Amino acid sequence: MKYDVYGIGNAIVDIITEVDHDFFTKNEVEKGVMTLVDEKRQLHLMKAIDMKRSKMSGGGSAGNTVVALNQFGGKSFYSCLVAKDELGEFFLKDLKRNGVDTNLTHDQCPEGHSGRCLVMTSPDAERTMNTFLGVSSFLSPEHLDADAIKNSSFVYLEGYLVASPKGLEALKEAKRIAERHKVSTALTFSDPSMVKYFSKQMEEVVGASVDLLFAMKKKP
């Protein structure tokens, strides 16, 4: 096999910052989970934060997974979608720097805004995320690479994509291609909110079964 893992997920640039406990109440942010927000809401929160103390890195659930796999000596492919902007260029360069193959080049990317995630870390070391998907919300089956899927040991499906109709179809099609070619499938629920608000869509992806299922439990 050419690839150990073929990943599909939201391409997100993480903006990592620290906030106090009262920040969440003051700004009406649900602590400890990932919440999808529009650009206006995210910019409002960024104005309430000391952005000079923040740092930026390539992110996204499946994106982090395939990068980590390469860092441990594996080989991965990542299907995603970014815009032809500075954040998109940053994200693709980060994949290349880590040896991850992808379906995109910067010249092929659409106009618009790349996805970004405001990662707020509180003093108790809990992570709270507010994510603006940007063009990543248009990730669809056309962004899949069937040959890369066929030449992978595992297909890794990011649960966050169920929040987007096109993303959901991309997950289902990637799973169909994998099963047709006897490639193992793995699904991550990604976040408790995805199961809570998109349980029907999750069931559509799981279908009869997946080979590996990753889940996480919110702290009580």
N, C-alpha and C. Protein backbone atom coordinates (compact mmCIF):
# COMPACT_ATOMS: atom_id res chain seq x y z
N MET A 1 0.83 -1.20 0.00
CA MET A 1 0.00 0.00 0.00
C MET A 1 0.88 1.27 0.00
N LYS A 2 0.42 2.28 -0.77
CA LYS A 2 1.18 3.52 -0.83
C LYS A 2 1.00 4.35 0.44
N TYR A 3 -0.24 4.31 1.00
CA TYR A 3 -0.54 5.13 2.18
C TYR A 3 -1.02 4.24 3.34
N ASP A 4 -0.61 4.61 4.54
CA ASP A 4 -1.14 3.95 5.73
C ASP A 4 -2.55 4.45 6.01
N VAL A 5 -2.77 5.76 5.84
CA VAL A 5 -4.07 6.36 6.14
C VAL A 5 -4.43 7.41 5.09
N TYR A 6 -5.66 7.33 4.62
CA TYR A 6 -6.25 8.38 3.78
C TYR A 6 -7.24 9.12 4.66
N GLY A 7 -6.99 10.39 4.92
CA GLY A 7 -7.87 11.18 5.78
C GLY A 7 -8.74 12.14 4.99
N ILE A 8 -9.92 12.41 5.49
CA ILE A 8 -10.79 13.42 4.91
C ILE A 8 -11.39 14.23 6.05
N GLY A 9 -11.29 15.57 5.94
CA GLY A 9 -11.80 16.40 7.02
C GLY A 9 -11.73 17.87 6.70
N ASN A 10 -12.11 18.68 7.67
CA ASN A 10 -12.06 20.14 7.52
C ASN A 10 -10.62 20.64 7.65
N ALA A 11 -10.21 21.42 6.67
CA ALA A 11 -8.89 22.06 6.73
C ALA A 11 -9.04 23.35 7.51
N ILE A 12 -8.45 23.38 8.69
CA ILE A 12 -8.63 24.51 9.61
C ILE A 12 -7.26 25.01 10.09
N VAL A 13 -7.10 26.31 10.12
CA VAL A 13 -5.92 26.90 10.75
C VAL A 13 -6.30 27.26 12.19
N ASP A 14 -5.58 26.70 13.14
CA ASP A 14 -5.85 26.95 14.56
C ASP A 14 -5.20 28.26 15.01
N ILE A 15 -5.98 29.06 15.72
CA ILE A 15 -5.46 30.26 16.40
C ILE A 15 -5.59 29.96 17.89
N ILE A 16 -4.46 29.69 18.52
CA ILE A 16 -4.44 29.16 19.89
C ILE A 16 -4.15 30.29 20.87
N THR A 17 -5.01 30.43 21.87
CA THR A 17 -4.87 31.52 22.82
C THR A 17 -5.30 31.07 24.21
N GLU A 18 -4.98 31.87 25.23
CA GLU A 18 -5.36 31.58 26.60
C GLU A 18 -6.38 32.61 27.08
N VAL A 19 -7.38 32.13 27.82
CA VAL A 19 -8.42 33.02 28.36
C VAL A 19 -8.67 32.68 29.83
N ASP A 20 -9.26 33.63 30.55
CA ASP A 20 -9.62 33.40 31.95
C ASP A 20 -10.96 32.68 32.03
N HIS A 21 -11.27 32.16 33.24
CA HIS A 21 -12.52 31.42 33.44
C HIS A 21 -13.75 32.26 33.12
N ASP A 22 -13.72 33.54 33.49
CA ASP A 22 -14.92 34.37 33.30
C ASP A 22 -15.14 34.78 31.85
N PHE A 23 -14.18 34.51 31.00
CA PHE A 23 -14.32 34.86 29.58
C PHE A 23 -15.54 34.18 28.97
N PHE A 24 -15.79 32.93 29.35
CA PHE A 24 -16.85 32.14 28.73
C PHE A 24 -18.23 32.68 29.09
N THR A 25 -18.42 33.03 30.37
CA THR A 25 -19.71 33.59 30.80
C THR A 25 -19.91 34.97 30.18
N LYS A 26 -18.87 35.76 30.22
CA LYS A 26 -18.96 37.12 29.72
C LYS A 26 -19.30 37.17 28.23
N ASN A 27 -18.77 36.20 27.48
CA ASN A 27 -18.96 36.22 26.02
C ASN A 27 -19.93 35.14 25.52
N GLU A 28 -20.64 34.50 26.47
CA GLU A 28 -21.65 33.49 26.14
C GLU A 28 -21.09 32.38 25.25
N VAL A 29 -19.97 31.81 25.70
CA VAL A 29 -19.33 30.72 24.99
C VAL A 29 -19.50 29.44 25.80
N GLU A 30 -19.97 28.35 25.14
CA GLU A 30 -20.10 27.06 25.83
C GLU A 30 -18.73 26.45 26.01
N LYS A 31 -18.35 26.24 27.25
CA LYS A 31 -16.99 25.81 27.58
C LYS A 31 -16.81 24.31 27.35
N GLY A 32 -15.64 23.95 26.83
CA GLY A 32 -15.25 22.55 26.75
C GLY A 32 -15.69 21.80 25.51
N VAL A 33 -16.35 22.47 24.56
CA VAL A 33 -16.80 21.79 23.33
C VAL A 33 -16.41 22.63 22.12
N MET A 34 -16.64 22.05 20.94
CA MET A 34 -16.46 22.77 19.69
C MET A 34 -17.80 23.31 19.24
N THR A 35 -17.84 24.60 18.91
CA THR A 35 -19.07 25.22 18.42
C THR A 35 -18.78 25.86 17.06
N LEU A 36 -19.65 25.56 16.08
CA LEU A 36 -19.52 26.20 14.78
C LEU A 36 -20.11 27.60 14.85
N VAL A 37 -19.38 28.58 14.33
CA VAL A 37 -19.83 29.97 14.37
C VAL A 37 -19.64 30.60 13.00
N ASP A 38 -20.33 31.71 12.76
CA ASP A 38 -20.09 32.43 11.52
C ASP A 38 -18.90 33.37 11.71
N GLU A 39 -18.47 33.97 10.62
CA GLU A 39 -17.26 34.80 10.67
C GLU A 39 -17.45 36.00 11.58
N LYS A 40 -18.63 36.61 11.56
CA LYS A 40 -18.89 37.78 12.40
C LYS A 40 -18.73 37.45 13.87
N ARG A 41 -19.29 36.31 14.30
CA ARG A 41 -19.18 35.89 15.70
C ARG A 41 -17.73 35.62 16.08
N GLN A 42 -17.00 34.95 15.20
CA GLN A 42 -15.61 34.64 15.52
C GLN A 42 -14.77 35.91 15.64
N LEU A 43 -14.98 36.85 14.73
CA LEU A 43 -14.23 38.11 14.79
C LEU A 43 -14.55 38.88 16.07
N HIS A 44 -15.80 38.80 16.53
CA HIS A 44 -16.19 39.43 17.79
C HIS A 44 -15.37 38.86 18.95
N LEU A 45 -15.24 37.53 18.99
CA LEU A 45 -14.48 36.89 20.06
C LEU A 45 -12.99 37.23 19.96
N MET A 46 -12.48 37.30 18.76
CA MET A 46 -11.06 37.62 18.58
C MET A 46 -10.74 39.03 19.07
N LYS A 47 -11.71 39.92 18.98
CA LYS A 47 -11.51 41.28 19.49
C LYS A 47 -11.49 41.31 21.02
N ALA A 48 -12.14 40.30 21.64
CA ALA A 48 -12.19 40.24 23.11
C ALA A 48 -10.98 39.54 23.70
N ILE A 49 -10.10 39.03 22.84
CA ILE A 49 -8.93 38.26 23.27
C ILE A 49 -7.65 39.03 22.98
N ASP A 50 -6.62 38.79 23.78
CA ASP A 50 -5.31 39.37 23.52
C ASP A 50 -4.64 38.55 22.41
N MET A 51 -4.89 38.93 21.15
CA MET A 51 -4.40 38.15 20.03
C MET A 51 -2.88 38.18 19.89
N LYS A 52 -2.23 39.15 20.52
CA LYS A 52 -0.76 39.21 20.45
C LYS A 52 -0.12 38.01 21.14
N ARG A 53 -0.85 37.39 22.07
CA ARG A 53 -0.33 36.23 22.79
C ARG A 53 -0.72 34.92 22.12
N SER A 54 -1.40 35.01 20.99
CA SER A 54 -1.86 33.81 20.30
C SER A 54 -0.81 33.29 19.33
N LYS A 55 -0.93 32.01 18.98
CA LYS A 55 -0.06 31.44 17.94
C LYS A 55 -0.90 30.67 16.94
N MET A 56 -0.36 30.45 15.76
CA MET A 56 -1.10 29.87 14.67
C MET A 56 -0.45 28.55 14.24
N SER A 57 -1.29 27.56 13.92
CA SER A 57 -0.75 26.29 13.43
C SER A 57 -1.79 25.61 12.55
N GLY A 58 -1.34 24.72 11.69
CA GLY A 58 -2.26 23.93 10.89
C GLY A 58 -3.07 23.04 11.82
N GLY A 59 -4.37 22.89 11.56
CA GLY A 59 -5.20 22.11 12.47
C GLY A 59 -6.30 21.36 11.76
N GLY A 60 -7.39 21.15 12.47
CA GLY A 60 -8.46 20.29 11.99
C GLY A 60 -8.25 18.90 12.55
N SER A 61 -9.33 18.25 12.92
CA SER A 61 -9.25 16.95 13.57
C SER A 61 -8.48 15.92 12.75
N ALA A 62 -8.96 15.64 11.53
CA ALA A 62 -8.28 14.65 10.69
C ALA A 62 -6.94 15.17 10.21
N GLY A 63 -6.85 16.48 9.98
CA GLY A 63 -5.57 17.08 9.57
C GLY A 63 -4.48 16.84 10.60
N ASN A 64 -4.81 17.05 11.87
CA ASN A 64 -3.84 16.79 12.94
C ASN A 64 -3.45 15.32 12.98
N THR A 65 -4.43 14.44 12.71
CA THR A 65 -4.17 13.01 12.76
C THR A 65 -3.18 12.57 11.68
N VAL A 66 -3.40 13.02 10.44
CA VAL A 66 -2.51 12.58 9.36
C VAL A 66 -1.11 13.19 9.51
N VAL A 67 -1.03 14.42 10.03
CA VAL A 67 0.29 15.02 10.27
C VAL A 67 1.03 14.25 11.35
N ALA A 68 0.34 13.92 12.44
CA ALA A 68 0.97 13.15 13.52
C ALA A 68 1.43 11.79 13.03
N LEU A 69 0.61 11.15 12.18
CA LEU A 69 0.98 9.84 11.65
C LEU A 69 2.29 9.93 10.86
N ASN A 70 2.42 10.96 10.02
CA ASN A 70 3.66 11.13 9.27
C ASN A 70 4.85 11.39 10.19
N GLN A 71 4.62 12.16 11.24
CA GLN A 71 5.70 12.46 12.17
C GLN A 71 6.19 11.21 12.89
N PHE A 72 5.31 10.21 13.01
CA PHE A 72 5.69 8.94 13.63
C PHE A 72 6.20 7.92 12.61
N GLY A 73 6.40 8.37 11.37
CA GLY A 73 7.01 7.49 10.37
C GLY A 73 6.05 6.88 9.38
N GLY A 74 4.75 7.19 9.46
CA GLY A 74 3.79 6.66 8.52
C GLY A 74 3.71 7.51 7.26
N LYS A 75 2.78 7.16 6.39
CA LYS A 75 2.57 7.91 5.15
C LYS A 75 1.07 8.11 4.96
N SER A 76 0.66 9.36 4.74
CA SER A 76 -0.76 9.66 4.67
C SER A 76 -1.10 10.58 3.51
N PHE A 77 -2.39 10.58 3.17
CA PHE A 77 -2.97 11.45 2.15
C PHE A 77 -4.15 12.16 2.80
N TYR A 78 -4.33 13.45 2.46
CA TYR A 78 -5.41 14.21 3.08
C TYR A 78 -6.25 14.93 2.04
N SER A 79 -7.56 14.64 2.01
CA SER A 79 -8.49 15.37 1.16
C SER A 79 -9.16 16.47 1.98
N CYS A 80 -9.08 17.69 1.46
CA CYS A 80 -9.59 18.84 2.21
C CYS A 80 -9.86 19.97 1.23
N LEU A 81 -10.25 21.13 1.74
CA LEU A 81 -10.50 22.29 0.90
C LEU A 81 -10.15 23.57 1.65
N VAL A 82 -9.25 24.37 1.05
CA VAL A 82 -8.91 25.69 1.59
C VAL A 82 -9.11 26.72 0.47
N ALA A 83 -9.09 27.99 0.85
CA ALA A 83 -9.25 29.06 -0.13
C ALA A 83 -7.89 29.53 -0.64
N LYS A 84 -7.94 30.31 -1.71
CA LYS A 84 -6.72 30.89 -2.26
C LYS A 84 -6.42 32.18 -1.50
N ASP A 85 -6.11 32.02 -0.20
CA ASP A 85 -5.76 33.16 0.64
C ASP A 85 -4.53 32.81 1.47
N GLU A 86 -4.12 33.72 2.35
CA GLU A 86 -2.89 33.50 3.12
C GLU A 86 -3.01 32.29 4.05
N LEU A 87 -4.17 32.12 4.69
CA LEU A 87 -4.35 30.99 5.60
C LEU A 87 -4.34 29.67 4.83
N GLY A 88 -4.93 29.67 3.62
CA GLY A 88 -4.91 28.47 2.80
C GLY A 88 -3.50 28.09 2.40
N GLU A 89 -2.72 29.08 2.01
CA GLU A 89 -1.32 28.83 1.65
C GLU A 89 -0.54 28.32 2.85
N PHE A 90 -0.79 28.90 4.02
CA PHE A 90 -0.15 28.46 5.26
C PHE A 90 -0.47 26.99 5.54
N PHE A 91 -1.74 26.63 5.37
CA PHE A 91 -2.17 25.26 5.67
C PHE A 91 -1.51 24.26 4.73
N LEU A 92 -1.50 24.55 3.44
CA LEU A 92 -0.93 23.62 2.46
C LEU A 92 0.58 23.48 2.65
N LYS A 93 1.25 24.57 2.99
CA LYS A 93 2.69 24.50 3.25
C LYS A 93 2.97 23.64 4.49
N ASP A 94 2.06 23.71 5.47
CA ASP A 94 2.23 22.90 6.69
C ASP A 94 2.09 21.41 6.35
N LEU A 95 1.12 21.06 5.49
CA LEU A 95 0.99 19.66 5.06
C LEU A 95 2.26 19.21 4.34
N LYS A 96 2.73 20.02 3.42
CA LYS A 96 3.92 19.67 2.64
C LYS A 96 5.13 19.50 3.53
N ARG A 97 5.28 20.42 4.49
CA ARG A 97 6.42 20.37 5.42
C ARG A 97 6.42 19.06 6.22
N ASN A 98 5.23 18.53 6.45
CA ASN A 98 5.12 17.29 7.21
C ASN A 98 4.99 16.05 6.32
N GLY A 99 5.16 16.23 5.01
CA GLY A 99 5.18 15.09 4.10
C GLY A 99 3.83 14.47 3.79
N VAL A 100 2.75 15.23 4.01
CA VAL A 100 1.40 14.72 3.75
C VAL A 100 0.99 15.07 2.32
N ASP A 101 0.63 14.07 1.51
CA ASP A 101 0.11 14.31 0.17
C ASP A 101 -1.33 14.79 0.27
N THR A 102 -1.77 15.59 -0.72
CA THR A 102 -3.12 16.14 -0.67
C THR A 102 -3.69 16.29 -2.07
N ASN A 103 -4.99 16.52 -2.14
CA ASN A 103 -5.67 16.68 -3.42
C ASN A 103 -5.53 18.10 -3.97
N LEU A 104 -4.93 19.01 -3.23
CA LEU A 104 -4.94 20.43 -3.58
C LEU A 104 -3.55 21.00 -3.90
N THR A 105 -3.56 22.00 -4.77
CA THR A 105 -2.44 22.94 -4.87
C THR A 105 -3.06 24.33 -4.65
N HIS A 106 -2.25 25.29 -4.25
CA HIS A 106 -2.79 26.61 -3.94
C HIS A 106 -3.47 27.24 -5.15
N ASP A 107 -2.92 27.01 -6.35
CA ASP A 107 -3.50 27.59 -7.57
C ASP A 107 -4.89 27.04 -7.87
N GLN A 108 -5.17 25.81 -7.41
CA GLN A 108 -6.48 25.19 -7.66
C GLN A 108 -7.55 25.64 -6.68
N CYS A 109 -7.16 26.30 -5.63
CA CYS A 109 -8.10 26.62 -4.55
C CYS A 109 -9.09 27.71 -4.98
N PRO A 110 -10.31 27.66 -4.46
CA PRO A 110 -11.31 28.67 -4.79
C PRO A 110 -11.05 29.98 -4.04
N GLU A 111 -11.65 31.05 -4.55
CA GLU A 111 -11.60 32.32 -3.84
C GLU A 111 -12.46 32.21 -2.58
N GLY A 112 -12.17 33.05 -1.60
CA GLY A 112 -12.95 33.03 -0.36
C GLY A 112 -12.05 33.04 0.85
N HIS A 113 -12.56 32.50 1.95
CA HIS A 113 -11.82 32.49 3.21
C HIS A 113 -11.61 31.06 3.68
N SER A 114 -10.37 30.75 4.04
CA SER A 114 -10.07 29.42 4.58
C SER A 114 -10.64 29.30 5.99
N GLY A 115 -10.89 28.06 6.40
CA GLY A 115 -11.42 27.81 7.73
C GLY A 115 -10.42 28.14 8.82
N ARG A 116 -10.91 28.59 9.95
CA ARG A 116 -10.04 28.86 11.09
C ARG A 116 -10.79 28.53 12.37
N CYS A 117 -10.00 28.14 13.37
CA CYS A 117 -10.57 27.74 14.66
C CYS A 117 -9.91 28.54 15.77
N LEU A 118 -10.73 29.21 16.56
CA LEU A 118 -10.25 29.92 17.74
C LEU A 118 -10.22 28.92 18.88
N VAL A 119 -9.01 28.53 19.29
CA VAL A 119 -8.83 27.53 20.34
C VAL A 119 -8.52 28.26 21.64
N MET A 120 -9.49 28.24 22.56
CA MET A 120 -9.36 28.98 23.82
C MET A 120 -9.02 28.01 24.95
N THR A 121 -7.87 28.19 25.53
CA THR A 121 -7.41 27.33 26.62
C THR A 121 -7.59 28.06 27.94
N SER A 122 -8.32 27.44 28.86
CA SER A 122 -8.59 28.05 30.17
C SER A 122 -7.57 27.58 31.20
N PRO A 123 -7.50 28.23 32.37
CA PRO A 123 -6.50 27.87 33.39
C PRO A 123 -6.56 26.42 33.86
N ASP A 124 -7.72 25.74 33.70
CA ASP A 124 -7.82 24.33 34.07
C ASP A 124 -7.35 23.40 32.94
N ALA A 125 -6.72 24.00 31.91
CA ALA A 125 -6.15 23.27 30.76
C ALA A 125 -7.22 22.66 29.86
N GLU A 126 -8.48 23.10 30.00
CA GLU A 126 -9.53 22.61 29.11
C GLU A 126 -9.55 23.44 27.83
N ARG A 127 -9.84 22.78 26.74
CA ARG A 127 -9.83 23.42 25.43
C ARG A 127 -11.26 23.66 24.95
N THR A 128 -11.53 24.89 24.53
CA THR A 128 -12.82 25.26 23.97
C THR A 128 -12.59 25.83 22.58
N MET A 129 -13.37 25.37 21.61
CA MET A 129 -13.13 25.78 20.23
C MET A 129 -14.36 26.43 19.60
N ASN A 130 -14.13 27.53 18.93
CA ASN A 130 -15.15 28.16 18.09
C ASN A 130 -14.61 28.18 16.67
N THR A 131 -15.31 27.51 15.76
CA THR A 131 -14.79 27.27 14.43
C THR A 131 -15.63 27.94 13.35
N PHE A 132 -14.96 28.69 12.48
CA PHE A 132 -15.56 29.23 11.26
C PHE A 132 -15.00 28.40 10.11
N LEU A 133 -15.87 27.67 9.40
CA LEU A 133 -15.41 26.71 8.40
C LEU A 133 -14.93 27.34 7.10
N GLY A 134 -15.43 28.52 6.77
CA GLY A 134 -15.04 29.12 5.50
C GLY A 134 -15.37 28.19 4.34
N VAL A 135 -14.46 28.13 3.33
CA VAL A 135 -14.73 27.31 2.15
C VAL A 135 -14.72 25.81 2.46
N SER A 136 -14.20 25.43 3.62
CA SER A 136 -14.19 24.01 3.97
C SER A 136 -15.60 23.43 4.04
N SER A 137 -16.59 24.29 4.26
CA SER A 137 -17.98 23.81 4.31
C SER A 137 -18.46 23.32 2.96
N PHE A 138 -17.68 23.59 1.88
CA PHE A 138 -18.05 23.15 0.54
C PHE A 138 -17.28 21.89 0.11
N LEU A 139 -16.53 21.30 1.04
CA LEU A 139 -15.86 20.04 0.75
C LEU A 139 -16.91 19.01 0.33
N SER A 140 -16.68 18.33 -0.78
CA SER A 140 -17.69 17.43 -1.34
C SER A 140 -17.04 16.21 -1.97
N PRO A 141 -17.84 15.26 -2.47
CA PRO A 141 -17.25 14.07 -3.09
C PRO A 141 -16.27 14.35 -4.21
N GLU A 142 -16.42 15.48 -4.91
CA GLU A 142 -15.52 15.79 -6.01
C GLU A 142 -14.08 16.02 -5.54
N HIS A 143 -13.88 16.25 -4.25
CA HIS A 143 -12.54 16.48 -3.72
C HIS A 143 -11.86 15.19 -3.25
N LEU A 144 -12.53 14.06 -3.43
CA LEU A 144 -11.93 12.78 -3.07
C LEU A 144 -10.96 12.32 -4.15
N ASP A 145 -10.00 11.50 -3.76
CA ASP A 145 -9.07 10.88 -4.70
C ASP A 145 -9.24 9.37 -4.58
N ALA A 146 -10.00 8.79 -5.51
CA ALA A 146 -10.32 7.36 -5.42
C ALA A 146 -9.08 6.48 -5.48
N ASP A 147 -8.10 6.87 -6.30
CA ASP A 147 -6.87 6.06 -6.40
C ASP A 147 -6.12 6.04 -5.08
N ALA A 148 -6.06 7.20 -4.41
CA ALA A 148 -5.38 7.26 -3.11
C ALA A 148 -6.12 6.42 -2.07
N ILE A 149 -7.45 6.43 -2.12
CA ILE A 149 -8.24 5.61 -1.20
C ILE A 149 -7.94 4.13 -1.43
N LYS A 150 -7.95 3.71 -2.71
CA LYS A 150 -7.70 2.31 -3.05
C LYS A 150 -6.32 1.84 -2.61
N ASN A 151 -5.38 2.79 -2.54
CA ASN A 151 -4.00 2.46 -2.19
C ASN A 151 -3.66 2.81 -0.75
N SER A 152 -4.67 2.75 0.12
CA SER A 152 -4.49 3.03 1.54
C SER A 152 -4.89 1.83 2.38
N SER A 153 -4.28 1.71 3.56
CA SER A 153 -4.66 0.64 4.49
C SER A 153 -5.93 1.01 5.24
N PHE A 154 -6.10 2.31 5.55
CA PHE A 154 -7.27 2.79 6.28
C PHE A 154 -7.77 4.09 5.66
N VAL A 155 -9.07 4.28 5.68
CA VAL A 155 -9.68 5.58 5.41
C VAL A 155 -10.17 6.12 6.75
N TYR A 156 -9.77 7.36 7.06
CA TYR A 156 -10.10 7.97 8.35
C TYR A 156 -11.09 9.10 8.11
N LEU A 157 -12.29 8.97 8.66
CA LEU A 157 -13.39 9.89 8.42
C LEU A 157 -13.60 10.82 9.61
N GLU A 158 -13.57 12.10 9.36
CA GLU A 158 -13.73 13.10 10.43
C GLU A 158 -15.20 13.41 10.67
N GLY A 159 -15.66 13.16 11.90
CA GLY A 159 -17.07 13.34 12.24
C GLY A 159 -17.57 14.76 12.10
N TYR A 160 -16.70 15.76 12.21
CA TYR A 160 -17.15 17.14 12.08
C TYR A 160 -17.84 17.41 10.74
N LEU A 161 -17.50 16.62 9.72
CA LEU A 161 -18.04 16.87 8.39
C LEU A 161 -19.54 16.60 8.30
N VAL A 162 -20.11 15.89 9.26
CA VAL A 162 -21.56 15.62 9.20
C VAL A 162 -22.38 16.89 9.34
N ALA A 163 -21.78 17.97 9.81
CA ALA A 163 -22.51 19.23 9.96
C ALA A 163 -22.78 19.90 8.62
N SER A 164 -22.12 19.45 7.56
CA SER A 164 -22.30 20.02 6.23
C SER A 164 -22.92 18.96 5.31
N PRO A 165 -24.01 19.29 4.59
CA PRO A 165 -24.62 18.31 3.68
C PRO A 165 -23.63 17.74 2.66
N LYS A 166 -22.79 18.61 2.08
CA LYS A 166 -21.81 18.14 1.10
C LYS A 166 -20.72 17.32 1.79
N GLY A 167 -20.33 17.75 2.99
CA GLY A 167 -19.33 17.00 3.75
C GLY A 167 -19.83 15.62 4.10
N LEU A 168 -21.11 15.54 4.46
CA LEU A 168 -21.71 14.25 4.79
C LEU A 168 -21.67 13.32 3.57
N GLU A 169 -21.98 13.85 2.40
CA GLU A 169 -21.94 13.03 1.18
C GLU A 169 -20.51 12.59 0.87
N ALA A 170 -19.54 13.47 1.15
CA ALA A 170 -18.14 13.11 0.93
C ALA A 170 -17.72 11.96 1.84
N LEU A 171 -18.16 12.00 3.09
CA LEU A 171 -17.85 10.92 4.03
C LEU A 171 -18.44 9.60 3.55
N LYS A 172 -19.70 9.64 3.15
CA LYS A 172 -20.39 8.43 2.72
C LYS A 172 -19.77 7.85 1.45
N GLU A 173 -19.38 8.73 0.51
CA GLU A 173 -18.77 8.26 -0.72
C GLU A 173 -17.37 7.68 -0.47
N ALA A 174 -16.59 8.33 0.40
CA ALA A 174 -15.27 7.81 0.75
C ALA A 174 -15.40 6.42 1.37
N LYS A 175 -16.40 6.24 2.23
CA LYS A 175 -16.62 4.94 2.86
C LYS A 175 -17.04 3.90 1.83
N ARG A 176 -17.89 4.30 0.87
CA ARG A 176 -18.32 3.37 -0.17
C ARG A 176 -17.13 2.91 -1.02
N ILE A 177 -16.27 3.86 -1.40
CA ILE A 177 -15.08 3.50 -2.20
C ILE A 177 -14.18 2.56 -1.41
N ALA A 178 -13.97 2.88 -0.14
CA ALA A 178 -13.11 2.05 0.70
C ALA A 178 -13.65 0.63 0.81
N GLU A 179 -14.94 0.50 1.07
CA GLU A 179 -15.53 -0.82 1.24
C GLU A 179 -15.50 -1.62 -0.06
N ARG A 180 -15.66 -0.90 -1.19
CA ARG A 180 -15.62 -1.57 -2.50
C ARG A 180 -14.26 -2.20 -2.76
N HIS A 181 -13.22 -1.56 -2.23
CA HIS A 181 -11.85 -2.03 -2.47
C HIS A 181 -11.24 -2.68 -1.23
N LYS A 182 -12.09 -3.04 -0.30
CA LYS A 182 -11.67 -3.76 0.91
C LYS A 182 -10.61 -2.99 1.71
N VAL A 183 -10.79 -1.68 1.78
CA VAL A 183 -9.94 -0.81 2.61
C VAL A 183 -10.66 -0.60 3.94
N SER A 184 -9.97 -0.77 5.05
CA SER A 184 -10.59 -0.61 6.37
C SER A 184 -11.01 0.84 6.58
N THR A 185 -12.09 1.04 7.37
CA THR A 185 -12.60 2.39 7.63
C THR A 185 -12.55 2.71 9.12
N ALA A 186 -12.23 3.97 9.42
CA ALA A 186 -12.22 4.46 10.79
C ALA A 186 -13.01 5.76 10.83
N LEU A 187 -13.81 5.94 11.85
CA LEU A 187 -14.60 7.16 12.03
C LEU A 187 -14.34 7.73 13.41
N THR A 188 -14.12 9.04 13.48
CA THR A 188 -14.06 9.71 14.77
C THR A 188 -15.31 10.56 14.95
N PHE A 189 -15.95 10.44 16.12
CA PHE A 189 -17.09 11.30 16.42
C PHE A 189 -16.67 12.76 16.58
N SER A 190 -15.38 12.98 16.84
CA SER A 190 -14.78 14.32 16.89
C SER A 190 -15.13 15.12 18.14
N ASP A 191 -16.41 15.23 18.46
CA ASP A 191 -16.82 16.09 19.56
C ASP A 191 -18.22 15.66 20.02
N PRO A 192 -18.50 15.74 21.33
CA PRO A 192 -19.84 15.36 21.81
C PRO A 192 -20.98 16.11 21.11
N SER A 193 -20.73 17.35 20.72
CA SER A 193 -21.78 18.15 20.08
C SER A 193 -22.18 17.56 18.73
N MET A 194 -21.25 16.89 18.04
CA MET A 194 -21.58 16.30 16.74
C MET A 194 -22.58 15.16 16.90
N VAL A 195 -22.41 14.36 17.93
CA VAL A 195 -23.32 13.26 18.18
C VAL A 195 -24.66 13.79 18.70
N LYS A 196 -24.60 14.83 19.53
CA LYS A 196 -25.81 15.41 20.12
C LYS A 196 -26.71 16.03 19.06
N TYR A 197 -26.12 16.80 18.15
CA TYR A 197 -26.93 17.56 17.21
C TYR A 197 -27.05 16.93 15.82
N PHE A 198 -26.19 15.95 15.52
CA PHE A 198 -26.20 15.35 14.17
C PHE A 198 -26.20 13.82 14.25
N SER A 199 -26.97 13.28 15.19
CA SER A 199 -26.97 11.83 15.39
C SER A 199 -27.46 11.07 14.15
N LYS A 200 -28.48 11.59 13.47
CA LYS A 200 -29.00 10.92 12.28
C LYS A 200 -27.93 10.84 11.20
N GLN A 201 -27.22 11.96 11.00
CA GLN A 201 -26.17 11.98 9.99
C GLN A 201 -25.03 11.03 10.35
N MET A 202 -24.70 10.96 11.64
CA MET A 202 -23.66 10.03 12.08
C MET A 202 -24.06 8.59 11.77
N GLU A 203 -25.32 8.27 12.01
CA GLU A 203 -25.81 6.92 11.73
C GLU A 203 -25.70 6.59 10.24
N GLU A 204 -25.91 7.60 9.39
CA GLU A 204 -25.79 7.39 7.96
C GLU A 204 -24.35 7.02 7.58
N VAL A 205 -23.38 7.65 8.23
CA VAL A 205 -21.98 7.36 7.94
C VAL A 205 -21.58 5.99 8.46
N VAL A 206 -21.97 5.70 9.68
CA VAL A 206 -21.62 4.41 10.28
C VAL A 206 -22.19 3.27 9.46
N GLY A 207 -23.45 3.40 8.99
CA GLY A 207 -24.07 2.35 8.20
C GLY A 207 -24.10 1.04 8.97
N ALA A 208 -23.73 -0.05 8.27
CA ALA A 208 -23.71 -1.35 8.93
C ALA A 208 -22.63 -1.41 10.00
N SER A 209 -21.48 -0.77 9.70
CA SER A 209 -20.38 -0.80 10.68
C SER A 209 -19.21 0.02 10.16
N VAL A 210 -18.27 0.29 11.05
CA VAL A 210 -16.94 0.76 10.68
C VAL A 210 -15.95 -0.15 11.39
N ASP A 211 -14.71 -0.17 10.92
CA ASP A 211 -13.72 -1.06 11.54
C ASP A 211 -13.17 -0.50 12.84
N LEU A 212 -13.02 0.83 12.90
CA LEU A 212 -12.56 1.49 14.12
C LEU A 212 -13.45 2.70 14.38
N LEU A 213 -13.83 2.89 15.64
CA LEU A 213 -14.64 4.05 16.02
C LEU A 213 -13.98 4.75 17.19
N PHE A 214 -13.75 6.06 17.02
CA PHE A 214 -13.12 6.85 18.09
C PHE A 214 -14.17 7.80 18.67
N ALA A 215 -14.24 7.84 19.99
CA ALA A 215 -15.20 8.72 20.67
C ALA A 215 -14.53 9.37 21.87
N MET A 216 -15.09 10.49 22.29
CA MET A 216 -14.57 11.17 23.48
C MET A 216 -15.75 11.59 24.35
N LYS A 217 -15.50 11.65 25.63
CA LYS A 217 -16.55 12.01 26.58
C LYS A 217 -16.26 13.38 27.17
N LYS A 218 -17.28 14.21 27.20
CA LYS A 218 -17.14 15.53 27.80
C LYS A 218 -16.97 15.40 29.30
N LYS A 219 -16.09 16.24 29.86
CA LYS A 219 -15.89 16.22 31.31
C LYS A 219 -17.18 16.57 32.03
N PRO A 220 -17.48 15.90 33.19
CA PRO A 220 -18.72 16.20 33.92
C PRO A 220 -18.64 17.60 34.54
